[in-house]
Protein backbone atom coordinates (compact mmCIF):
# COMPACT_ATOMS: atom_id res chain seq x y z
CA MET A 1 31.40 58.58 12.87
CA ASN A 2 30.74 61.61 10.68
CA CYS A 3 33.17 62.70 7.99
CA VAL A 4 33.08 66.46 7.62
CA ARG A 5 34.60 68.01 4.54
CA GLY A 6 36.02 71.48 4.66
CA THR A 7 36.22 71.79 8.45
CA GLY A 8 39.08 71.22 10.80
CA LEU A 9 37.33 69.26 13.53
CA VAL A 10 35.15 66.22 13.89
CA ASN A 11 33.10 65.25 16.94
CA PRO A 12 31.84 61.65 16.62
CA GLU A 13 30.76 61.27 20.27
CA GLY A 14 28.45 64.25 20.53
CA TRP A 15 28.50 67.95 21.21
CA ASN A 16 29.20 67.54 24.94
CA GLN A 17 32.78 66.46 24.32
CA ALA A 18 35.66 68.35 22.84
CA PRO A 19 36.01 67.81 19.10
CA ARG A 20 38.95 65.84 17.77
CA PRO A 21 41.23 66.85 14.91
CA VAL A 22 40.08 65.57 11.54
CA TRP A 23 43.41 63.96 10.72
CA ARG A 24 42.87 61.31 13.40
CA LYS A 25 39.70 60.10 11.69
CA SER A 26 40.50 61.10 8.11
CA THR A 27 41.87 57.69 7.11
CA VAL A 28 38.70 55.89 8.13
CA CYS A 29 36.56 58.56 6.43
CA VAL A 30 38.53 58.26 3.20
CA LEU A 31 38.28 54.48 3.20
CA ARG A 32 34.53 54.62 3.77
CA GLN A 33 34.02 57.11 0.97
CA LEU A 34 36.27 55.12 -1.36
CA ARG A 35 34.39 51.93 -0.54
CA ALA A 36 31.04 53.61 -1.26
CA LEU A 37 32.23 54.95 -4.62
CA LEU A 38 33.72 51.59 -5.61
CA TRP A 39 30.60 49.73 -4.53
CA LYS A 40 28.48 52.02 -6.69
CA ASP A 41 30.48 51.10 -9.82
CA LEU A 42 30.40 47.40 -8.99
CA VAL A 43 26.64 47.39 -8.41
CA LEU A 44 25.98 49.24 -11.67
CA GLU A 45 28.11 46.77 -13.60
CA TYR A 46 26.39 43.84 -11.90
CA ARG A 47 23.01 45.16 -13.03
CA THR A 48 23.98 45.83 -16.65
CA ARG A 49 27.04 43.59 -17.29
CA GLU A 50 27.91 45.80 -20.24
CA LEU A 51 31.61 46.32 -19.60
CA LEU A 52 32.55 42.76 -18.67
CA SER A 53 30.74 41.20 -21.61
CA ALA A 54 32.11 43.73 -24.11
CA MET A 55 35.68 43.48 -22.81
CA GLY A 56 35.62 39.69 -22.64
CA VAL A 57 34.21 39.19 -26.13
CA PHE A 58 36.44 41.84 -27.72
CA GLY A 59 39.54 40.45 -26.02
CA LEU A 60 38.73 36.90 -27.16
CA LEU A 61 38.13 38.05 -30.74
CA THR A 62 41.45 39.90 -30.75
CA LEU A 63 43.25 36.83 -29.42
CA VAL A 64 41.65 34.59 -32.05
CA VAL A 65 42.52 37.02 -34.85
CA PHE A 66 46.16 37.07 -33.74
CA ASN A 67 46.13 33.28 -33.56
CA PHE A 68 45.10 32.96 -37.19
CA ALA A 69 47.14 35.92 -38.45
CA LEU A 70 50.43 34.79 -36.86
CA ASP A 71 52.07 31.40 -36.73
CA LEU A 72 52.00 31.25 -32.95
CA ARG A 73 52.46 27.48 -32.77
CA ALA A 74 55.94 27.69 -34.27
CA GLU A 75 59.07 27.86 -32.18
CA SER A 76 59.06 31.65 -32.49
CA GLY A 77 55.65 31.71 -30.81
CA GLU A 78 57.24 31.93 -27.38
CA ALA A 79 58.55 35.37 -28.26
CA VAL A 80 55.20 36.54 -29.66
CA ILE A 81 52.54 35.10 -27.34
CA PRO A 82 53.16 37.51 -24.40
CA GLY A 83 52.85 40.45 -26.79
CA VAL A 84 49.65 39.03 -28.27
CA LEU A 85 48.20 38.57 -24.79
CA TRP A 86 48.92 42.12 -23.70
CA SER A 87 47.77 43.57 -27.00
CA SER A 88 44.42 41.85 -26.47
CA ILE A 89 44.29 43.12 -22.88
CA ALA A 90 45.11 46.68 -23.98
CA PHE A 91 42.46 46.71 -26.73
CA ALA A 92 39.80 45.27 -24.43
CA GLY A 93 40.83 47.64 -21.63
CA VAL A 94 40.50 50.71 -23.83
CA LEU A 95 37.00 49.62 -24.78
CA GLY A 96 36.04 49.25 -21.11
CA LEU A 97 37.67 52.51 -20.06
CA GLY A 98 35.85 54.48 -22.71
CA ARG A 99 32.50 52.99 -21.75
CA SER A 100 32.99 53.57 -18.02
CA PHE A 101 32.93 57.37 -18.30
CA ALA A 102 30.58 57.43 -21.26
CA GLN A 103 27.96 55.73 -19.09
CA GLU A 104 28.44 58.32 -16.37
CA ARG A 105 27.96 61.13 -18.88
CA ASP A 106 24.97 59.56 -20.60
CA ARG A 107 23.12 58.84 -17.35
CA GLY A 108 23.98 62.18 -15.81
CA SER A 109 25.35 60.46 -12.72
CA LEU A 110 28.70 62.23 -13.03
CA ASP A 111 27.06 65.52 -12.05
CA GLY A 112 25.76 63.85 -8.91
CA LEU A 113 29.25 62.58 -8.08
CA LEU A 114 30.65 66.08 -8.44
CA LEU A 115 28.08 67.38 -5.97
CA ALA A 116 28.89 64.69 -3.40
CA PRO A 117 30.94 65.84 -0.36
CA VAL A 118 34.01 63.80 -1.31
CA ASP A 119 37.37 64.70 -2.73
CA ARG A 120 37.56 64.45 -6.50
CA GLY A 121 40.69 62.35 -6.19
CA LEU A 122 38.68 59.64 -4.44
CA ILE A 123 36.38 59.46 -7.46
CA TYR A 124 39.46 58.82 -9.57
CA LEU A 125 40.82 56.13 -7.23
CA ALA A 126 37.45 54.38 -7.09
CA LYS A 127 37.24 54.41 -10.89
CA VAL A 128 40.77 53.03 -11.16
CA LEU A 129 39.99 50.18 -8.78
CA ALA A 130 36.70 49.38 -10.51
CA ASN A 131 38.28 49.43 -13.97
CA ALA A 132 41.19 47.30 -12.77
CA LEU A 133 38.78 44.72 -11.33
CA PHE A 134 36.81 44.59 -14.58
CA MET A 135 40.03 44.15 -16.56
CA LEU A 136 41.24 41.39 -14.26
CA ALA A 137 37.95 39.56 -14.75
CA ALA A 138 38.39 39.82 -18.53
CA GLU A 139 42.01 38.71 -18.22
CA VAL A 140 40.94 35.50 -16.50
CA VAL A 141 38.91 34.67 -19.61
CA LEU A 142 41.82 35.59 -21.89
CA LEU A 143 44.29 33.49 -19.92
CA GLY A 144 41.92 30.54 -20.12
CA ALA A 145 41.66 30.96 -23.89
CA LEU A 146 45.44 31.32 -24.10
CA ALA A 147 45.92 28.06 -22.22
CA ILE A 148 43.53 26.24 -24.58
CA LEU A 149 44.87 27.67 -27.83
CA PHE A 150 48.56 27.24 -27.08
CA ASN A 151 48.56 24.50 -24.45
CA LEU A 152 50.19 26.73 -21.83
CA ASP A 153 50.26 26.39 -18.06
CA VAL A 154 48.89 29.71 -16.84
CA LEU A 155 48.19 28.58 -13.27
CA ARG A 156 51.41 30.05 -11.91
CA PRO A 157 51.47 32.33 -8.86
CA ALA A 158 54.37 34.31 -10.36
CA LEU A 159 52.06 35.39 -13.19
CA LEU A 160 50.06 37.52 -10.75
CA THR A 161 52.85 40.10 -10.55
CA PRO A 162 52.86 41.21 -14.21
CA MET A 163 49.09 40.87 -14.50
CA LEU A 164 48.37 43.04 -11.46
CA LEU A 165 51.05 45.65 -12.16
CA GLY A 166 50.24 45.90 -15.86
CA THR A 167 46.51 46.13 -15.21
CA LEU A 168 46.98 48.85 -12.60
CA GLY A 169 49.13 50.88 -14.99
CA LEU A 170 46.56 50.53 -17.76
CA ALA A 171 43.69 51.48 -15.45
CA GLY A 172 45.60 54.34 -13.81
CA ALA A 173 46.52 56.09 -17.05
CA GLY A 174 43.35 55.13 -18.90
CA THR A 175 40.93 56.41 -16.26
CA LEU A 176 42.32 59.95 -16.41
CA LEU A 177 42.40 60.03 -20.20
CA ALA A 178 38.90 58.52 -20.37
CA ALA A 179 37.68 61.46 -18.29
CA VAL A 180 39.42 63.83 -20.71
CA ALA A 181 37.99 62.11 -23.79
CA ALA A 182 34.49 61.92 -22.32
CA ASN A 183 34.16 65.69 -22.72
CA THR A 184 34.76 65.54 -26.49
CA ARG A 185 32.62 64.39 -29.37
CA ALA A 186 35.28 62.07 -30.79
CA ARG A 187 35.87 60.28 -27.49
CA GLU A 188 36.02 56.79 -29.08
CA ILE A 189 38.88 57.94 -31.32
CA LEU A 190 40.65 60.30 -28.94
CA LEU A 191 41.07 57.86 -26.05
CA PRO A 192 43.23 55.24 -27.83
CA VAL A 193 45.21 57.96 -29.60
CA LEU A 194 46.12 59.54 -26.27
CA LEU A 195 46.46 56.34 -24.26
CA PHE A 196 48.52 53.94 -26.35
CA PRO A 197 51.68 56.09 -26.50
CA LEU A 198 51.46 56.59 -22.74
CA LEU A 199 51.17 52.82 -22.19
CA THR A 200 54.48 51.97 -23.88
CA PRO A 201 56.41 51.39 -20.60
CA VAL A 202 53.55 49.30 -19.20
CA VAL A 203 53.27 47.08 -22.27
CA ILE A 204 57.03 46.56 -22.57
CA GLY A 205 57.48 45.75 -18.89
CA ALA A 206 54.42 43.50 -18.72
CA VAL A 207 55.36 41.60 -21.90
CA GLN A 208 58.92 40.99 -20.74
CA THR A 209 57.86 39.84 -17.28
CA THR A 210 55.03 37.66 -18.60
CA GLY A 211 57.34 35.99 -21.10
CA ALA A 212 59.85 35.22 -18.36
CA VAL A 213 57.13 33.60 -16.24
CA LEU A 214 55.38 31.61 -18.98
CA PHE A 215 58.37 30.28 -20.86
CA GLY A 216 61.05 30.16 -18.20
CA ALA A 217 63.19 32.83 -19.79
CA PRO A 218 66.26 34.03 -17.89
CA LEU A 219 65.11 36.03 -14.89
CA GLN A 220 68.00 38.48 -14.90
CA GLY A 221 65.90 41.07 -16.68
CA THR A 222 62.70 40.46 -14.74
CA PRO A 223 63.37 42.51 -11.56
CA PRO A 224 64.20 45.72 -13.51
CA TRP A 225 61.04 45.34 -15.58
CA SER A 226 58.96 44.81 -12.45
CA ALA A 227 60.59 47.87 -10.90
CA LEU A 228 59.70 49.84 -14.04
CA LEU A 229 56.05 48.84 -13.68
CA VAL A 230 55.97 49.76 -9.99
CA THR A 231 57.61 53.14 -10.64
CA TYR A 232 55.34 53.91 -13.57
CA ASN A 233 52.22 53.02 -11.60
CA ALA A 234 53.24 55.17 -8.64
CA VAL A 235 54.01 58.19 -10.83
CA ILE A 236 50.97 57.95 -13.10
CA VAL A 237 48.49 57.37 -10.26
CA ALA A 238 49.93 60.23 -8.19
CA LEU A 239 49.88 62.68 -11.11
CA SER A 240 46.41 61.61 -12.21
CA TYR A 241 45.10 61.96 -8.65
CA ILE A 242 46.35 65.55 -8.58
CA MET A 243 45.06 66.48 -12.06
CA PHE A 244 41.70 64.73 -11.91
CA ASP A 245 39.93 67.66 -10.27
CA ALA A 246 41.04 70.03 -13.03
CA VAL A 247 40.01 67.51 -15.70
CA LEU A 248 36.50 67.26 -14.30
CA GLU A 249 36.14 71.02 -14.04
CA ASP A 250 37.01 71.40 -17.71
């Protein structure tokens, strides 16, 4: 099947048959293009392993620093540990987000992506998925360190909800702002300055939900926080998808 951009018809069977409307095949075309873009990022990371190693080491160092700086083994540690975890995830995520677009700029591969016959929004979605997968891999390491340092049971299926929703929110907002910062000279400074204020709903919702799962806090407040994360992710991803083309053109 051929995916034709900019035309109204597609004829996968040959020229002897009447062409079919593009919308009937557009979903399959989009999924194939998205898969190709995502696979490209995964293969590049597999060859270099720059992002995963940097995010994992930086996240572990942040977690260790918080462990020594705060008395997390005290009774008040239950109220602090979820915030420490998500602070480490946010710091490590910002490092990975900044490097993801910096690599594209340095190698000149972003120009090739812009010339590819795909929608710019698909480039954004592929980057979001790739960044989210890299963050989740780093979070597995951080959760393991958290379990060792504080003797916590992190093997809980309910913990997947805040981890997935929080990671998607961080990747969704951070990917767009990383593309904005990549065009500036002070991209290492500009990205966290722009991103951290925008992540306030994600961090609050993820911390509250994670604390409820880890320490058995009352679950009355958990559904609203989860709903906040879902709403935030839907809004930020939709807006970023629309604006990504204009960001790349600038």
